[in-house]
Amino acid sequence: MDKLLVTVFGLGAIGFIYWFFFGKNEEASTQTHVLVNGGYMPSTIKIPVGKSTTLMFTRTDANTCLEDFYIPDFKIKKYFPMNTPVTVTLLPPTRGTFGFHCGMNMFHGKIEVV
């Protein structure tokens, strides 16, 4: 009986350790860095549906067109000063592809919600 109890406890401990260290750990939010230099890098950003996501934009290009940023589907407009990180937080409720662009609509990118 003692051997059975020790074996069951040992297997349970192994299972707990595996789950704790190697199980699927989902964070409450995700973060993506985007460089604004002659466009948006990366120009396609994939984010999960229903999960708070922070996009951090840093503009290093002096082009004044890239000062303004728009995501029309989310009604977001931001100003990007030079070399200063600006955050945009999204919580997309549905899957889909949503475009974003600069102030003059010359530089484009897209957000794919999967």
N, C-alpha and C. Protein backbone atom coordinates (compact mmCIF):
# COMPACT_ATOMS: atom_id res chain seq x y z
N MET A 1 0.82 -1.19 0.00
CA MET A 1 0.00 0.00 0.00
C MET A 1 0.87 1.27 0.00
N ASP A 2 1.98 1.23 0.76
CA ASP A 2 2.87 2.39 0.82
C ASP A 2 3.47 2.69 -0.54
N LYS A 3 3.88 1.64 -1.27
CA LYS A 3 4.48 1.84 -2.59
C LYS A 3 3.47 2.44 -3.56
N LEU A 4 2.24 2.01 -3.50
CA LEU A 4 1.19 2.55 -4.37
C LEU A 4 0.95 4.02 -4.06
N LEU A 5 0.88 4.38 -2.80
CA LEU A 5 0.66 5.75 -2.39
C LEU A 5 1.81 6.66 -2.84
N VAL A 6 3.05 6.19 -2.67
CA VAL A 6 4.22 6.96 -3.08
C VAL A 6 4.24 7.12 -4.60
N THR A 7 3.89 6.07 -5.34
CA THR A 7 3.86 6.12 -6.81
C THR A 7 2.81 7.12 -7.30
N VAL A 8 1.61 7.06 -6.73
CA VAL A 8 0.54 7.98 -7.14
C VAL A 8 0.93 9.41 -6.81
N PHE A 9 1.47 9.65 -5.62
CA PHE A 9 1.91 10.99 -5.24
C PHE A 9 3.03 11.48 -6.16
N GLY A 10 3.98 10.63 -6.51
CA GLY A 10 5.08 10.98 -7.39
C GLY A 10 4.60 11.35 -8.78
N LEU A 11 3.67 10.56 -9.33
CA LEU A 11 3.11 10.88 -10.65
C LEU A 11 2.33 12.19 -10.63
N GLY A 12 1.61 12.42 -9.55
CA GLY A 12 0.88 13.69 -9.40
C GLY A 12 1.83 14.87 -9.34
N ALA A 13 2.94 14.72 -8.61
CA ALA A 13 3.93 15.79 -8.50
C ALA A 13 4.58 16.06 -9.85
N ILE A 14 4.89 15.00 -10.59
CA ILE A 14 5.47 15.17 -11.93
C ILE A 14 4.49 15.90 -12.85
N GLY A 15 3.23 15.52 -12.80
CA GLY A 15 2.21 16.18 -13.62
C GLY A 15 2.07 17.65 -13.27
N PHE A 16 2.08 17.97 -11.98
CA PHE A 16 1.98 19.37 -11.55
C PHE A 16 3.19 20.17 -12.02
N ILE A 17 4.38 19.61 -11.88
CA ILE A 17 5.59 20.32 -12.31
C ILE A 17 5.57 20.55 -13.82
N TYR A 18 5.16 19.57 -14.59
CA TYR A 18 5.06 19.74 -16.04
C TYR A 18 4.06 20.84 -16.37
N TRP A 19 2.89 20.82 -15.76
CA TRP A 19 1.86 21.83 -16.03
C TRP A 19 2.37 23.22 -15.64
N PHE A 20 3.00 23.33 -14.47
CA PHE A 20 3.44 24.62 -13.96
C PHE A 20 4.51 25.26 -14.84
N PHE A 21 5.51 24.48 -15.27
CA PHE A 21 6.62 25.03 -16.02
C PHE A 21 6.44 25.00 -17.53
N PHE A 22 5.74 24.00 -18.05
CA PHE A 22 5.66 23.84 -19.50
C PHE A 22 4.26 24.00 -20.06
N GLY A 23 3.27 24.19 -19.22
CA GLY A 23 1.90 24.35 -19.68
C GLY A 23 1.74 25.65 -20.44
N LYS A 24 0.60 25.80 -21.07
CA LYS A 24 0.34 26.99 -21.86
C LYS A 24 0.11 28.17 -20.91
N ASN A 25 1.04 29.11 -20.93
CA ASN A 25 0.94 30.31 -20.08
C ASN A 25 0.53 31.48 -20.96
N GLU A 26 -0.69 31.96 -20.77
CA GLU A 26 -1.16 33.10 -21.54
C GLU A 26 -1.06 34.35 -20.67
N GLU A 27 -0.48 35.37 -21.23
CA GLU A 27 -0.37 36.63 -20.53
C GLU A 27 -1.67 37.40 -20.67
N ALA A 28 -1.90 38.33 -19.77
CA ALA A 28 -3.12 39.14 -19.83
C ALA A 28 -3.11 40.05 -21.05
N SER A 29 -1.94 40.46 -21.49
CA SER A 29 -1.84 41.29 -22.68
C SER A 29 -0.54 40.99 -23.40
N THR A 30 -0.49 41.40 -24.66
CA THR A 30 0.72 41.22 -25.44
C THR A 30 1.20 42.59 -25.89
N GLN A 31 2.46 42.65 -26.31
CA GLN A 31 3.04 43.91 -26.75
C GLN A 31 3.83 43.68 -28.02
N THR A 32 3.69 44.60 -28.97
CA THR A 32 4.41 44.54 -30.23
C THR A 32 5.07 45.89 -30.48
N HIS A 33 6.33 45.87 -30.87
CA HIS A 33 7.06 47.10 -31.19
C HIS A 33 7.03 47.32 -32.70
N VAL A 34 6.77 48.57 -33.10
CA VAL A 34 6.70 48.93 -34.51
C VAL A 34 7.62 50.13 -34.73
N LEU A 35 8.55 49.99 -35.67
CA LEU A 35 9.45 51.07 -36.03
C LEU A 35 8.82 51.85 -37.18
N VAL A 36 8.75 53.18 -37.02
CA VAL A 36 8.20 54.05 -38.06
C VAL A 36 9.37 54.75 -38.72
N ASN A 37 9.80 54.21 -39.86
CA ASN A 37 10.95 54.74 -40.57
C ASN A 37 10.79 54.39 -42.04
N GLY A 38 10.32 55.35 -42.83
CA GLY A 38 10.06 55.09 -44.25
C GLY A 38 8.88 54.15 -44.43
N GLY A 39 8.03 54.07 -43.46
CA GLY A 39 6.89 53.16 -43.43
C GLY A 39 6.80 52.55 -42.04
N TYR A 40 6.07 51.46 -41.95
CA TYR A 40 5.88 50.78 -40.67
C TYR A 40 6.54 49.40 -40.73
N MET A 41 7.41 49.13 -39.77
CA MET A 41 8.09 47.83 -39.74
C MET A 41 7.83 47.16 -38.40
N PRO A 42 7.09 46.08 -38.36
CA PRO A 42 6.49 45.35 -39.47
C PRO A 42 5.24 46.06 -39.97
N SER A 43 4.92 45.85 -41.24
CA SER A 43 3.73 46.48 -41.80
C SER A 43 2.48 45.63 -41.57
N THR A 44 2.66 44.36 -41.24
CA THR A 44 1.54 43.49 -40.89
C THR A 44 1.74 43.02 -39.46
N ILE A 45 0.74 43.31 -38.63
CA ILE A 45 0.82 42.98 -37.21
C ILE A 45 -0.30 41.99 -36.91
N LYS A 46 0.06 40.84 -36.37
CA LYS A 46 -0.94 39.83 -36.01
C LYS A 46 -1.17 39.88 -34.50
N ILE A 47 -2.46 40.01 -34.12
CA ILE A 47 -2.81 40.05 -32.71
C ILE A 47 -3.98 39.11 -32.47
N PRO A 48 -4.11 38.61 -31.24
CA PRO A 48 -5.21 37.68 -30.93
C PRO A 48 -6.52 38.41 -30.68
N VAL A 49 -7.61 37.77 -31.05
CA VAL A 49 -8.94 38.32 -30.83
C VAL A 49 -9.27 38.29 -29.34
N GLY A 50 -9.91 39.36 -28.86
CA GLY A 50 -10.38 39.41 -27.49
C GLY A 50 -9.29 39.53 -26.44
N LYS A 51 -8.08 39.87 -26.84
CA LYS A 51 -6.97 39.98 -25.90
C LYS A 51 -6.36 41.37 -26.00
N SER A 52 -6.18 42.02 -24.88
CA SER A 52 -5.61 43.36 -24.87
C SER A 52 -4.20 43.32 -25.45
N THR A 53 -3.96 44.17 -26.45
CA THR A 53 -2.67 44.21 -27.12
C THR A 53 -2.17 45.65 -27.16
N THR A 54 -0.91 45.84 -26.80
CA THR A 54 -0.30 47.16 -26.84
C THR A 54 0.67 47.21 -28.00
N LEU A 55 0.48 48.18 -28.87
CA LEU A 55 1.40 48.43 -29.98
C LEU A 55 2.24 49.63 -29.59
N MET A 56 3.56 49.48 -29.63
CA MET A 56 4.45 50.57 -29.27
C MET A 56 5.17 51.05 -30.52
N PHE A 57 4.86 52.26 -30.92
CA PHE A 57 5.42 52.86 -32.13
C PHE A 57 6.54 53.82 -31.76
N THR A 58 7.65 53.74 -32.51
CA THR A 58 8.75 54.69 -32.34
C THR A 58 9.11 55.23 -33.72
N ARG A 59 8.91 56.55 -33.90
CA ARG A 59 9.20 57.18 -35.19
C ARG A 59 10.63 57.70 -35.20
N THR A 60 11.41 57.25 -36.19
CA THR A 60 12.79 57.71 -36.35
C THR A 60 12.99 58.42 -37.68
N ASP A 61 11.92 58.56 -38.45
CA ASP A 61 11.97 59.21 -39.77
C ASP A 61 11.44 60.64 -39.63
N ALA A 62 12.18 61.61 -40.17
CA ALA A 62 11.79 63.02 -40.06
C ALA A 62 10.64 63.40 -40.99
N ASN A 63 10.21 62.50 -41.84
CA ASN A 63 9.11 62.77 -42.77
C ASN A 63 7.87 63.17 -41.98
N THR A 64 7.34 64.37 -42.25
CA THR A 64 6.18 64.87 -41.49
C THR A 64 4.91 64.08 -41.75
N CYS A 65 4.86 63.38 -42.85
CA CYS A 65 3.69 62.54 -43.15
C CYS A 65 3.52 61.46 -42.08
N LEU A 66 4.62 60.97 -41.53
CA LEU A 66 4.56 59.89 -40.55
C LEU A 66 4.29 60.38 -39.13
N GLU A 67 4.09 61.70 -38.97
CA GLU A 67 3.77 62.23 -37.64
C GLU A 67 2.39 61.78 -37.17
N ASP A 68 1.45 61.71 -38.07
CA ASP A 68 0.08 61.33 -37.72
C ASP A 68 -0.17 59.88 -38.09
N PHE A 69 -0.98 59.22 -37.27
CA PHE A 69 -1.26 57.80 -37.43
C PHE A 69 -2.75 57.57 -37.23
N TYR A 70 -3.34 56.77 -38.13
CA TYR A 70 -4.78 56.52 -38.07
C TYR A 70 -5.09 55.03 -38.19
N ILE A 71 -6.02 54.59 -37.35
CA ILE A 71 -6.65 53.27 -37.51
C ILE A 71 -8.15 53.57 -37.58
N PRO A 72 -8.68 53.75 -38.79
CA PRO A 72 -10.07 54.18 -38.94
C PRO A 72 -11.10 53.24 -38.30
N ASP A 73 -10.90 51.93 -38.41
CA ASP A 73 -11.88 50.98 -37.88
C ASP A 73 -12.00 51.03 -36.36
N PHE A 74 -10.94 51.46 -35.69
CA PHE A 74 -10.97 51.58 -34.23
C PHE A 74 -11.09 53.04 -33.77
N LYS A 75 -11.25 53.96 -34.74
CA LYS A 75 -11.36 55.38 -34.46
C LYS A 75 -10.20 55.89 -33.61
N ILE A 76 -8.99 55.53 -34.05
CA ILE A 76 -7.78 55.92 -33.32
C ILE A 76 -6.96 56.87 -34.19
N LYS A 77 -6.55 57.97 -33.58
CA LYS A 77 -5.64 58.93 -34.22
C LYS A 77 -4.57 59.27 -33.20
N LYS A 78 -3.31 59.18 -33.60
CA LYS A 78 -2.20 59.46 -32.69
C LYS A 78 -1.18 60.34 -33.39
N TYR A 79 -0.45 61.11 -32.58
CA TYR A 79 0.67 61.91 -33.05
C TYR A 79 1.95 61.21 -32.60
N PHE A 80 2.90 61.03 -33.53
CA PHE A 80 4.17 60.37 -33.22
C PHE A 80 5.31 61.39 -33.23
N PRO A 81 5.78 61.83 -32.07
CA PRO A 81 6.95 62.70 -32.05
C PRO A 81 8.21 61.88 -32.37
N MET A 82 9.25 62.58 -32.77
CA MET A 82 10.50 61.89 -33.13
C MET A 82 11.12 61.19 -31.92
N ASN A 83 11.56 59.94 -32.13
CA ASN A 83 12.32 59.15 -31.15
C ASN A 83 11.65 59.03 -29.78
N THR A 84 10.34 59.09 -29.75
CA THR A 84 9.60 58.94 -28.51
C THR A 84 8.58 57.83 -28.68
N PRO A 85 8.65 56.78 -27.88
CA PRO A 85 7.68 55.68 -28.01
C PRO A 85 6.25 56.16 -27.68
N VAL A 86 5.32 55.75 -28.51
CA VAL A 86 3.91 56.06 -28.31
C VAL A 86 3.16 54.73 -28.30
N THR A 87 2.31 54.53 -27.31
CA THR A 87 1.57 53.27 -27.22
C THR A 87 0.14 53.43 -27.69
N VAL A 88 -0.33 52.38 -28.34
CA VAL A 88 -1.72 52.27 -28.77
C VAL A 88 -2.21 50.92 -28.25
N THR A 89 -3.25 50.94 -27.44
CA THR A 89 -3.78 49.70 -26.87
C THR A 89 -5.08 49.34 -27.58
N LEU A 90 -5.16 48.09 -28.01
CA LEU A 90 -6.33 47.58 -28.72
C LEU A 90 -6.90 46.38 -27.99
N LEU A 91 -8.21 46.23 -28.05
CA LEU A 91 -8.89 45.04 -27.56
C LEU A 91 -9.90 44.65 -28.64
N PRO A 92 -9.42 43.98 -29.71
CA PRO A 92 -10.30 43.69 -30.84
C PRO A 92 -11.34 42.63 -30.49
N PRO A 93 -12.63 42.93 -30.68
CA PRO A 93 -13.68 41.98 -30.33
C PRO A 93 -13.93 40.90 -31.38
N THR A 94 -13.51 41.15 -32.62
CA THR A 94 -13.78 40.19 -33.70
C THR A 94 -12.53 39.96 -34.55
N ARG A 95 -12.53 38.84 -35.25
CA ARG A 95 -11.44 38.54 -36.18
C ARG A 95 -11.59 39.41 -37.43
N GLY A 96 -10.48 39.62 -38.12
CA GLY A 96 -10.54 40.38 -39.35
C GLY A 96 -9.23 41.08 -39.63
N THR A 97 -9.21 41.83 -40.72
CA THR A 97 -8.04 42.61 -41.11
C THR A 97 -8.43 44.08 -41.10
N PHE A 98 -7.64 44.86 -40.40
CA PHE A 98 -7.93 46.29 -40.23
C PHE A 98 -6.72 47.08 -40.67
N GLY A 99 -6.94 48.06 -41.53
CA GLY A 99 -5.84 48.85 -42.07
C GLY A 99 -5.50 50.04 -41.19
N PHE A 100 -4.24 50.47 -41.29
CA PHE A 100 -3.82 51.72 -40.66
C PHE A 100 -2.96 52.47 -41.66
N HIS A 101 -2.83 53.79 -41.46
CA HIS A 101 -2.06 54.60 -42.41
C HIS A 101 -1.56 55.87 -41.75
N CYS A 102 -0.69 56.57 -42.49
CA CYS A 102 -0.13 57.83 -42.02
C CYS A 102 -1.12 58.96 -42.28
N GLY A 103 -0.72 60.16 -41.93
CA GLY A 103 -1.59 61.32 -42.07
C GLY A 103 -1.99 61.64 -43.50
N MET A 104 -1.13 61.38 -44.46
CA MET A 104 -1.43 61.67 -45.86
C MET A 104 -1.88 60.43 -46.62
N ASN A 105 -2.06 59.33 -45.91
CA ASN A 105 -2.51 58.06 -46.50
C ASN A 105 -1.52 57.55 -47.56
N MET A 106 -0.23 57.81 -47.33
CA MET A 106 0.80 57.34 -48.27
C MET A 106 1.46 56.05 -47.78
N PHE A 107 1.61 55.90 -46.47
CA PHE A 107 2.21 54.71 -45.88
C PHE A 107 1.12 53.90 -45.20
N HIS A 108 1.10 52.60 -45.47
CA HIS A 108 0.03 51.74 -44.98
C HIS A 108 0.56 50.52 -44.24
N GLY A 109 -0.33 49.93 -43.49
CA GLY A 109 -0.05 48.68 -42.82
C GLY A 109 -1.38 48.04 -42.49
N LYS A 110 -1.32 46.86 -41.88
CA LYS A 110 -2.57 46.22 -41.51
C LYS A 110 -2.40 45.42 -40.22
N ILE A 111 -3.50 45.31 -39.52
CA ILE A 111 -3.57 44.54 -38.29
C ILE A 111 -4.46 43.34 -38.58
N GLU A 112 -3.89 42.15 -38.45
CA GLU A 112 -4.66 40.92 -38.64
C GLU A 112 -5.03 40.38 -37.27
N VAL A 113 -6.32 40.34 -37.00
CA VAL A 113 -6.81 39.81 -35.73
C VAL A 113 -7.18 38.36 -35.95
N VAL A 114 -6.45 37.47 -35.28
CA VAL A 114 -6.66 36.02 -35.46
C VAL A 114 -7.16 35.37 -34.20
